[in-house]
Amino acid sequence: YSFCTLLGVAERGASMPYVDLTVQEGDHGEKEALVDGVSGLQSAGGWLRKRNLMTILLSTGLANVYAMRVNLSSAVEPMQKHYGWSNITQGYVLSAFFWGYVLFQVPGAMLAHRYGGKIVFGVGVLGTAVLTVILPFVSSRLWLLLTIRALMGLFESVTYPAMNVLFTKWVPCTERAFHVSGSNAGAYLGTAIAFPISGVLIDIHKDSDNVSTTWPWVFYVFGAVGMVWFVLWMCLAASDPESMSGITADELRYIKSTTGKDADVTVETENVAKSATPPWRGFLTSPAAWAIYINHFSSNYCVYTLMTYLPKWMDEDLGFSLKDAGGIAVIPYVCQFLASVSSGVVADKLVKMMTVRKARLVVELSAFTVAAVMLVVTGWMTNTAAAMTCVTIAIASSGFVGGGFISNYVDVSPHHAGSLFSVGNVIANISGIIAPIIAGYILGDETYPPTATLTSSLEHPDSSSASGTIPASNWRNVFYLSAAIYTLAGIVWILFMKGKPVPELN
């Protein structure tokens, strides 16, 4: 149903049509009757509406950049054996991407506002693809490898702010959760694709020491696919509906009349006041904004921890080979992708029946509660099938936030969501820097003591990696920490989240 809806084949029951009526907050029976009983312009555009095409392009774009981001999680195992990295050095290699990623979020939003989301998003994907192809050629020198990964993060950092700028131009307020979660779902799809393909490429050939010699192809293949996607993006996408080739007059009218509005109060034109420039002070002081930031940080921390260490955990704790881990590791992320797409449909349906705040609470708390519980249970699983089931449910549940805090960026700031997201993404992706390092220290390392630094790792690039199995209690502590972060974020969400446009954020 979600895929058919994305293509415009099935009518979305959660969509509110364009009608000349205002529905006040609380009048949800009238609101539902209007939605179900009036046939408006939301179906304009035929079987593949241009706003749905943009969602598909954005989703596949994120799939590319995430595949290029996470393929190192699979390739790092043979790279660690080949170059003799310790677990602590491996943690720095995995986190280097985020050194650049957190730096260019706000400038990325500014560039998207000035030059259009199409150009900025496309260049971000292309730059990441080119650097991905270059990475194997410099990986023998640790400082060059760290630099390339940081530059990849720099290019990729503009994609999310640019995408949220595109949301302010393209997404009707009554279809907000669907398009936002559908676009963001591409990140999980890219992760799901990257693990099995990387596993196959890595296992094509191994040397006499059973170390892969074909791991560089992981970077060549995904980089080349990213370049092909860029060509399609430049041919098919547009920064705003007015610039889109082939858009119908009815769809253009519908989009222009329903963007920048409050979905909680109106069906047509409850306009939200807009400042000439982004309200940066409000972005840094509003409790509603910080509720989103904290939940964004918490979600990213837990997802990045699992994304980075899932192949290693499966290999060392569950006893799968890297190839087996790559094949099985796809299951949680396929479920996460489906959960993200579905969360938009569910959230928009809930908004039809209750306030936006209540809908976001239900979706967000459901996702975080299930994920936290499953992570705690995972730590005590000794049966392989049971452990994988718990991890799959935890990761899939985290994808349900598409109808939660991710959509809430546009709820509270329908005019400046791109700039607001850039601030939130800086804060959220600090987790990408610290999560692999914290997990590395929790898991322990026999080559360097816990006090080892990046300097010591750089000074001993040829040291052999730690041998032996990481204790199950250490893995358990990694899961416990993630569950605790989810729990604290849920409390903040209950106390401070808003479901309506906030004046100081617009």
Foldseek 3Di string as FASTA:
>chain_A
DLVQVLQLNDDFLLFQAADDDWFAFPPLVVLSCNSVPDDHLPSPCPRHALLSVVLVLLLQLLLLLLLLLLLCLLLVVLVCQVFFFALLLSLLLNLLLLLQQLPCLLVLLVCCVVVFLLVLQLQLLLQLLVLLLCLVVCVNAPVVSSVSSSVNSNSVNSNQLSVLLLCLFRPFPLLLLQSQLSSVLSSLVSLLVNLQVLLVQQVPDADPVRRGPRNSVSSVVSSVVSVVSSVVSVVQDDRHPVPGPPHDPSSNVRSVQGFQAALSIGSTHPHFDDDPDFLVVCLVPALQLVLLLLLLQLLLLLLLLCSNCVLVCCCQQVPDDSNVSSNLVSLLSVLLSVLSNVLSSQLSNVSSRHGNLVSQLVQLCQLLVLLLVLLLVLLPDNDNVSNSVSNSRNSNSSSSCSSHSSSLLCQAASNNSSSSVSVSSSSNSVSSNVSSNVLSLLQAFDQDHSPDDNVVSSVCSNHHYGDDGRDSVSSSVSSNVSSVSSVVSSVSSVPRHDRHHDNSRD
